[in-house]
PDB file of N, CA and C in Angstrom:
ATOM      1  N   MET A   1      91.102  95.717  -4.690  1.00  0.00           N
ATOM      2  CA  MET A   1      90.686  96.913  -4.022  1.00  0.00           C
ATOM      3  C   MET A   1      91.627  97.138  -2.844  1.00  0.00           C
ATOM      4  N   ASP A   2      92.187  98.304  -2.789  1.00  0.00           N
ATOM      5  CA  ASP A   2      93.136  98.623  -1.732  1.00  0.00           C
ATOM      6  C   ASP A   2      92.448  99.489  -0.681  1.00  0.00           C
ATOM      7  N   GLU A   3      92.110  98.888   0.439  1.00  0.00           N
ATOM      8  CA  GLU A   3      91.484  99.539   1.581  1.00  0.00           C
ATOM      9  C   GLU A   3      90.314 100.448   1.182  1.00  0.00           C
ATOM     10  N   PRO A   4      89.276  99.852   0.589  1.00  0.00           N
ATOM     11  CA  PRO A   4      88.157 100.676   0.115  1.00  0.00           C
ATOM     12  C   PRO A   4      87.362 101.355   1.223  1.00  0.00           C
ATOM     13  N   THR A   5      87.533 100.940   2.484  1.00  0.00           N
ATOM     14  CA  THR A   5      86.770 101.566   3.572  1.00  0.00           C
ATOM     15  C   THR A   5      87.582 102.557   4.393  1.00  0.00           C
ATOM     16  N   GLU A   6      88.841 102.742   4.038  1.00  0.00           N
ATOM     17  CA  GLU A   6      89.708 103.634   4.818  1.00  0.00           C
ATOM     18  C   GLU A   6      89.146 105.052   4.856  1.00  0.00           C
ATOM     19  N   GLY A   7      89.018 105.577   6.071  1.00  0.00           N
ATOM     20  CA  GLY A   7      88.593 106.961   6.253  1.00  0.00           C
ATOM     21  C   GLY A   7      87.105 107.208   6.075  1.00  0.00           C
ATOM     22  N   LEU A   8      86.325 106.152   5.907  1.00  0.00           N
ATOM     23  CA  LEU A   8      84.894 106.333   5.695  1.00  0.00           C
ATOM     24  C   LEU A   8      84.121 106.250   7.010  1.00  0.00           C
ATOM     25  N   SER A   9      82.988 106.924   7.049  1.00  0.00           N
ATOM     26  CA  SER A   9      82.111 106.826   8.209  1.00  0.00           C
ATOM     27  C   SER A   9      81.490 105.429   8.243  1.00  0.00           C
ATOM     28  N   PRO A  10      81.026 104.995   9.410  1.00  0.00           N
ATOM     29  CA  PRO A  10      80.412 103.666   9.509  1.00  0.00           C
ATOM     30  C   PRO A  10      79.287 103.442   8.498  1.00  0.00           C
ATOM     31  N   LEU A  11      78.504 104.463   8.212  1.00  0.00           N
ATOM     32  CA  LEU A  11      77.418 104.338   7.235  1.00  0.00           C
ATOM     33  C   LEU A  11      77.972 103.995   5.850  1.00  0.00           C
ATOM     34  N   PHE A  12      79.016 104.692   5.447  1.00  0.00           N
ATOM     35  CA  PHE A  12      79.598 104.442   4.138  1.00  0.00           C
ATOM     36  C   PHE A  12      80.355 103.116   4.092  1.00  0.00           C
ATOM     37  N   VAL A  13      80.929 102.705   5.221  1.00  0.00           N
ATOM     38  CA  VAL A  13      81.580 101.391   5.287  1.00  0.00           C
ATOM     39  C   VAL A  13      80.557 100.302   4.973  1.00  0.00           C
ATOM     40  N   LYS A  14      79.359 100.427   5.547  1.00  0.00           N
ATOM     41  CA  LYS A  14      78.290  99.454   5.270  1.00  0.00           C
ATOM     42  C   LYS A  14      77.917  99.455   3.792  1.00  0.00           C
ATOM     43  N   GLU A  15      77.827 100.641   3.203  1.00  0.00           N
ATOM     44  CA  GLU A  15      77.459 100.743   1.786  1.00  0.00           C
ATOM     45  C   GLU A  15      78.523 100.120   0.888  1.00  0.00           C
ATOM     46  N   VAL A  16      79.781 100.381   1.193  1.00  0.00           N
ATOM     47  CA  VAL A  16      80.870  99.780   0.413  1.00  0.00           C
ATOM     48  C   VAL A  16      80.829  98.261   0.571  1.00  0.00           C
ATOM     49  N   GLY A  17      80.593  97.794   1.798  1.00  0.00           N
ATOM     50  CA  GLY A  17      80.474  96.359   2.040  1.00  0.00           C
ATOM     51  C   GLY A  17      79.355  95.740   1.230  1.00  0.00           C
ATOM     52  N   ARG A  18      78.215  96.406   1.172  1.00  0.00           N
ATOM     53  CA  ARG A  18      77.084  95.909   0.371  1.00  0.00           C
ATOM     54  C   ARG A  18      77.433  95.862  -1.112  1.00  0.00           C
ATOM     55  N   ALA A  19      78.121  96.881  -1.584  1.00  0.00           N
ATOM     56  CA  ALA A  19      78.498  96.917  -2.999  1.00  0.00           C
ATOM     57  C   ALA A  19      79.457  95.778  -3.348  1.00  0.00           C
ATOM     58  N   ILE A  20      80.432  95.542  -2.488  1.00  0.00           N
ATOM     59  CA  ILE A  20      81.382  94.460  -2.736  1.00  0.00           C
ATOM     60  C   ILE A  20      80.668  93.111  -2.639  1.00  0.00           C
ATOM     61  N   GLN A  21      79.772  92.967  -1.664  1.00  0.00           N
ATOM     62  CA  GLN A  21      79.008  91.723  -1.520  1.00  0.00           C
ATOM     63  C   GLN A  21      78.172  91.471  -2.774  1.00  0.00           C
ATOM     64  N   SER A  22      77.595  92.507  -3.332  1.00  0.00           N
ATOM     65  CA  SER A  22      76.806  92.382  -4.559  1.00  0.00           C
ATOM     66  C   SER A  22      77.673  91.899  -5.725  1.00  0.00           C
ATOM     67  N   LEU A  23      78.859  92.464  -5.850  1.00  0.00           N
ATOM     68  CA  LEU A  23      79.790  92.020  -6.895  1.00  0.00           C
ATOM     69  C   LEU A  23      80.171  90.555  -6.689  1.00  0.00           C
ATOM     70  N   LYS A  24      80.393  90.190  -5.443  1.00  0.00           N
ATOM     71  CA  LYS A  24      80.765  88.815  -5.113  1.00  0.00           C
ATOM     72  C   LYS A  24      79.649  87.847  -5.493  1.00  0.00           C
ATOM     73  N   LYS A  25      78.403  88.210  -5.190  1.00  0.00           N
ATOM     74  CA  LYS A  25      77.263  87.339  -5.489  1.00  0.00           C
ATOM     75  C   LYS A  25      77.091  87.104  -6.987  1.00  0.00           C
ATOM     76  N   GLU A  26      77.461  88.094  -7.797  1.00  0.00           N
ATOM     77  CA  GLU A  26      77.375  87.928  -9.246  1.00  0.00           C
ATOM     78  C   GLU A  26      78.289  86.810  -9.724  1.00  0.00           C
ATOM     79  N   GLY A  27      79.387  86.599  -9.014  1.00  0.00           N
ATOM     80  CA  GLY A  27      80.288  85.499  -9.312  1.00  0.00           C
ATOM     81  C   GLY A  27      80.998  85.583 -10.649  1.00  0.00           C
ATOM     82  N   LYS A  28      81.058  86.747 -11.227  1.00  0.00           N
ATOM     83  CA  LYS A  28      81.656  86.894 -12.545  1.00  0.00           C
ATOM     84  C   LYS A  28      83.100  87.363 -12.497  1.00  0.00           C
ATOM     85  N   LEU A  29      83.592  87.638 -11.290  1.00  0.00           N
ATOM     86  CA  LEU A  29      84.953  88.139 -11.192  1.00  0.00           C
ATOM     87  C   LEU A  29      85.557  87.741  -9.863  1.00  0.00           C
ATOM     88  N   SER A  30      86.851  87.813  -9.802  1.00  0.00           N
ATOM     89  CA  SER A  30      87.565  87.602  -8.544  1.00  0.00           C
ATOM     90  C   SER A  30      87.945  88.965  -7.991  1.00  0.00           C
ATOM     91  N   ILE A  31      87.947  89.062  -6.683  1.00  0.00           N
ATOM     92  CA  ILE A  31      88.281  90.326  -6.034  1.00  0.00           C
ATOM     93  C   ILE A  31      89.435  90.092  -5.081  1.00  0.00           C
ATOM     94  N   LEU A  32      90.461  90.883  -5.242  1.00  0.00           N
ATOM     95  CA  LEU A  32      91.561  90.908  -4.275  1.00  0.00           C
ATOM     96  C   LEU A  32      91.319  92.130  -3.403  1.00  0.00           C
ATOM     97  N   LEU A  33      91.052  91.887  -2.135  1.00  0.00           N
ATOM     98  CA  LEU A  33      90.702  92.947  -1.208  1.00  0.00           C
ATOM     99  C   LEU A  33      91.797  93.088  -0.166  1.00  0.00           C
ATOM    100  N   VAL A  34      92.405  94.255  -0.102  1.00  0.00           N
ATOM    101  CA  VAL A  34      93.377  94.578   0.942  1.00  0.00           C
ATOM    102  C   VAL A  34      92.635  95.469   1.922  1.00  0.00           C
ATOM    103  N   GLU A  35      92.496  94.994   3.156  1.00  0.00           N
ATOM    104  CA  GLU A  35      91.647  95.719   4.099  1.00  0.00           C
ATOM    105  C   GLU A  35      92.159  95.554   5.520  1.00  0.00           C
ATOM    106  N   GLN A  36      92.179  96.648   6.276  1.00  0.00           N
ATOM    107  CA  GLN A  36      92.565  96.589   7.676  1.00  0.00           C
ATOM    108  C   GLN A  36      91.364  96.438   8.594  1.00  0.00           C
ATOM    109  N   ASN A  37      90.172  96.623   8.068  1.00  0.00           N
ATOM    110  CA  ASN A  37      88.942  96.463   8.837  1.00  0.00           C
ATOM    111  C   ASN A  37      88.612  94.971   8.871  1.00  0.00           C
ATOM    112  N   LEU A  38      88.939  94.318   9.991  1.00  0.00           N
ATOM    113  CA  LEU A  38      88.771  92.869  10.101  1.00  0.00           C
ATOM    114  C   LEU A  38      87.331  92.432   9.905  1.00  0.00           C
ATOM    115  N   ALA A  39      86.375  93.175  10.445  1.00  0.00           N
ATOM    116  CA  ALA A  39      84.965  92.794  10.323  1.00  0.00           C
ATOM    117  C   ALA A  39      84.545  92.721   8.857  1.00  0.00           C
ATOM    118  N   ILE A  40      84.947  93.698   8.070  1.00  0.00           N
ATOM    119  CA  ILE A  40      84.621  93.692   6.638  1.00  0.00           C
ATOM    120  C   ILE A  40      85.340  92.538   5.948  1.00  0.00           C
ATOM    121  N   GLY A  41      86.613  92.355   6.278  1.00  0.00           N
ATOM    122  CA  GLY A  41      87.371  91.255   5.672  1.00  0.00           C
ATOM    123  C   GLY A  41      86.743  89.903   5.947  1.00  0.00           C
ATOM    124  N   LEU A  42      86.353  89.670   7.188  1.00  0.00           N
ATOM    125  CA  LEU A  42      85.734  88.401   7.544  1.00  0.00           C
ATOM    126  C   LEU A  42      84.388  88.210   6.849  1.00  0.00           C
ATOM    127  N   LYS A  43      83.667  89.281   6.688  1.00  0.00           N
ATOM    128  CA  LYS A  43      82.350  89.212   6.050  1.00  0.00           C
ATOM    129  C   LYS A  43      82.454  88.917   4.558  1.00  0.00           C
ATOM    130  N   LEU A  44      83.460  89.473   3.904  1.00  0.00           N
ATOM    131  CA  LEU A  44      83.530  89.418   2.447  1.00  0.00           C
ATOM    132  C   LEU A  44      84.474  88.361   1.883  1.00  0.00           C
ATOM    133  N   ALA A  45      85.492  88.007   2.645  1.00  0.00           N
ATOM    134  CA  ALA A  45      86.545  87.146   2.088  1.00  0.00           C
ATOM    135  C   ALA A  45      86.200  85.665   2.203  1.00  0.00           C
ATOM    136  N   ASP A  46      86.535  84.938   1.165  1.00  0.00           N
ATOM    137  CA  ASP A  46      86.454  83.482   1.210  1.00  0.00           C
ATOM    138  C   ASP A  46      87.768  82.919   1.753  1.00  0.00           C
ATOM    139  N   TYR A  47      88.854  83.558   1.387  1.00  0.00           N
ATOM    140  CA  TYR A  47      90.187  83.092   1.746  1.00  0.00           C
ATOM    141  C   TYR A  47      90.990  84.297   2.190  1.00  0.00           C
ATOM    142  N   MET A  48      91.796  84.134   3.224  1.00  0.00           N
ATOM    143  CA  MET A  48      92.515  85.273   3.790  1.00  0.00           C
ATOM    144  C   MET A  48      94.003  85.005   3.929  1.00  0.00           C
ATOM    145  N   TYR A  49      94.751  86.065   3.793  1.00  0.00           N
ATOM    146  CA  TYR A  49      96.177  86.075   4.105  1.00  0.00           C
ATOM    147  C   TYR A  49      96.389  87.188   5.112  1.00  0.00           C
ATOM    148  N   ILE A  50      97.137  86.917   6.153  1.00  0.00           N
ATOM    149  CA  ILE A  50      97.543  87.944   7.110  1.00  0.00           C
ATOM    150  C   ILE A  50      99.050  88.099   6.935  1.00  0.00           C
ATOM    151  N   MET A  51      99.473  89.334   6.703  1.00  0.00           N
ATOM    152  CA  MET A  51     100.889  89.600   6.500  1.00  0.00           C
ATOM    153  C   MET A  51     101.425  90.469   7.620  1.00  0.00           C
ATOM    154  N   ASN A  52     102.670  90.220   7.976  1.00  0.00           N
ATOM    155  CA  ASN A  52     103.384  91.039   8.950  1.00  0.00           C
ATOM    156  C   ASN A  52     104.776  91.295   8.407  1.00  0.00           C
ATOM    157  N   LYS A  53     105.077  92.555   8.171  1.00  0.00           N
ATOM    158  CA  LYS A  53     106.388  92.958   7.650  1.00  0.00           C
ATOM    159  C   LYS A  53     106.748  92.189   6.387  1.00  0.00           C
ATOM    160  N   GLY A  54     105.768  92.018   5.500  1.00  0.00           N
ATOM    161  CA  GLY A  54     106.000  91.372   4.209  1.00  0.00           C
ATOM    162  C   GLY A  54     106.018  89.856   4.236  1.00  0.00           C
ATOM    163  N   VAL A  55     105.730  89.267   5.383  1.00  0.00           N
ATOM    164  CA  VAL A  55     105.744  87.808   5.525  1.00  0.00           C
ATOM    165  C   VAL A  55     104.327  87.328   5.826  1.00  0.00           C
ATOM    166  N   ILE A  56     103.873  86.308   5.114  1.00  0.00           N
ATOM    167  CA  ILE A  56     102.554  85.739   5.373  1.00  0.00           C
ATOM    168  C   ILE A  56     102.619  84.936   6.670  1.00  0.00           C
ATOM    169  N   VAL A  57     101.819  85.348   7.660  1.00  0.00           N
ATOM    170  CA  VAL A  57     101.806  84.674   8.958  1.00  0.00           C
ATOM    171  C   VAL A  57     100.553  83.819   9.141  1.00  0.00           C
ATOM    172  N   PHE A  58      99.589  83.988   8.263  1.00  0.00           N
ATOM    173  CA  PHE A  58      98.384  83.156   8.267  1.00  0.00           C
ATOM    174  C   PHE A  58      97.860  83.084   6.849  1.00  0.00           C
ATOM    175  N   GLU A  59      97.380  81.904   6.480  1.00  0.00           N
ATOM    176  CA  GLU A  59      96.753  81.683   5.184  1.00  0.00           C
ATOM    177  C   GLU A  59      95.648  80.665   5.403  1.00  0.00           C
ATOM    178  N   GLY A  60      94.437  81.021   5.038  1.00  0.00           N
ATOM    179  CA  GLY A  60      93.349  80.071   5.212  1.00  0.00           C
ATOM    180  C   GLY A  60      91.979  80.707   5.062  1.00  0.00           C
ATOM    181  N   LEU A  61      90.963  79.900   5.309  1.00  0.00           N
ATOM    182  CA  LEU A  61      89.584  80.353   5.229  1.00  0.00           C
ATOM    183  C   LEU A  61      89.264  81.285   6.393  1.00  0.00           C
ATOM    184  N   SER A  62      88.278  82.138   6.191  1.00  0.00           N
ATOM    185  CA  SER A  62      87.867  83.073   7.243  1.00  0.00           C
ATOM    186  C   SER A  62      87.496  82.332   8.518  1.00  0.00           C
ATOM    187  N   ASP A  63      86.787  81.214   8.390  1.00  0.00           N
ATOM    188  CA  ASP A  63      86.398  80.420   9.564  1.00  0.00           C
ATOM    189  C   ASP A  63      87.620  79.908  10.321  1.00  0.00           C
ATOM    190  N   GLU A  64      88.673  79.580   9.596  1.00  0.00           N
ATOM    191  CA  GLU A  64      89.894  79.103  10.238  1.00  0.00           C
ATOM    192  C   GLU A  64      90.554  80.216  11.046  1.00  0.00           C
ATOM    193  N   LEU A  65      90.505  81.436  10.531  1.00  0.00           N
ATOM    194  CA  LEU A  65      91.071  82.572  11.258  1.00  0.00           C
ATOM    195  C   LEU A  65      90.323  82.797  12.571  1.00  0.00           C
ATOM    196  N   LEU A  66      89.026  82.606  12.554  1.00  0.00           N
ATOM    197  CA  LEU A  66      88.237  82.786  13.769  1.00  0.00           C
ATOM    198  C   LEU A  66      88.618  81.783  14.856  1.00  0.00           C
ATOM    199  N   LYS A  67      89.207  80.670  14.461  1.00  0.00           N
ATOM    200  CA  LYS A  67      89.633  79.633  15.410  1.00  0.00           C
ATOM    201  C   LYS A  67      91.081  79.829  15.870  1.00  0.00           C
ATOM    202  N   ARG A  68      91.700  80.948  15.474  1.00  0.00           N
ATOM    203  CA  ARG A  68      93.102  81.199  15.802  1.00  0.00           C
ATOM    204  C   ARG A  68      93.257  82.467  16.640  1.00  0.00           C
ATOM    205  N   PRO A  69      92.909  82.390  17.924  1.00  0.00           N
ATOM    206  CA  PRO A  69      93.053  83.583  18.777  1.00  0.00           C
ATOM    207  C   PRO A  69      94.503  84.060  18.879  1.00  0.00           C
ATOM    208  N   ASP A  70      95.462  83.160  18.693  1.00  0.00           N
ATOM    209  CA  ASP A  70      96.870  83.564  18.731  1.00  0.00           C
ATOM    210  C   ASP A  70      97.194  84.525  17.591  1.00  0.00           C
ATOM    211  N   ILE A  71      96.720  84.220  16.399  1.00  0.00           N
ATOM    212  CA  ILE A  71      96.941  85.103  15.246  1.00  0.00           C
ATOM    213  C   ILE A  71      96.180  86.404  15.433  1.00  0.00           C
ATOM    214  N   GLN A  72      94.945  86.301  15.883  1.00  0.00           N
ATOM    215  CA  GLN A  72      94.122  87.489  16.080  1.00  0.00           C
ATOM    216  C   GLN A  72      94.756  88.449  17.080  1.00  0.00           C
ATOM    217  N   SER A  73      95.206  87.933  18.204  1.00  0.00           N
ATOM    218  CA  SER A  73      95.765  88.822  19.228  1.00  0.00           C
ATOM    219  C   SER A  73      97.143  89.358  18.856  1.00  0.00           C
ATOM    220  N   THR A  74      97.954  88.520  18.208  1.00  0.00           N
ATOM    221  CA  THR A  74      99.309  88.942  17.852  1.00  0.00           C
ATOM    222  C   THR A  74      99.333  89.946  16.705  1.00  0.00           C
ATOM    223  N   TYR A  75      98.514  89.716  15.678  1.00  0.00           N
ATOM    224  CA  TYR A  75      98.628  90.512  14.465  1.00  0.00           C
ATOM    225  C   TYR A  75      97.433  91.412  14.161  1.00  0.00           C
ATOM    226  N   LEU A  76      96.282  91.160  14.799  1.00  0.00           N
ATOM    227  CA  LEU A  76      95.096  91.904  14.446  1.00  0.00           C
ATOM    228  C   LEU A  76      94.552  92.766  15.583  1.00  0.00           C
ATOM    229  N   GLY A  77      95.202  92.706  16.737  1.00  0.00           N
ATOM    230  CA  GLY A  77      94.754  93.525  17.850  1.00  0.00           C
ATOM    231  C   GLY A  77      93.376  93.168  18.377  1.00  0.00           C
ATOM    232  N   VAL A  78      92.986  91.915  18.194  1.00  0.00           N
ATOM    233  CA  VAL A  78      91.668  91.463  18.644  1.00  0.00           C
ATOM    234  C   VAL A  78      91.798  90.771  19.971  1.00  0.00           C
TER     235      VAL A  78
END
């Protein structure tokens, strides 16, 4: 899914998040999610890649990203 929440109102972002979470819970498929909304990415992703100019600058579990304020501030504007 390529940025499924882009341009959506907060209400619809929640609905899309619920739909993706439902698909994830079924466990019958893998989902590749490209998303700029960090909150949605952290909520839905098991494993994350952060890219900058085509180079992977972070690879790991969502919990690991939360422990990396350097990556968050440099690449995610957090």
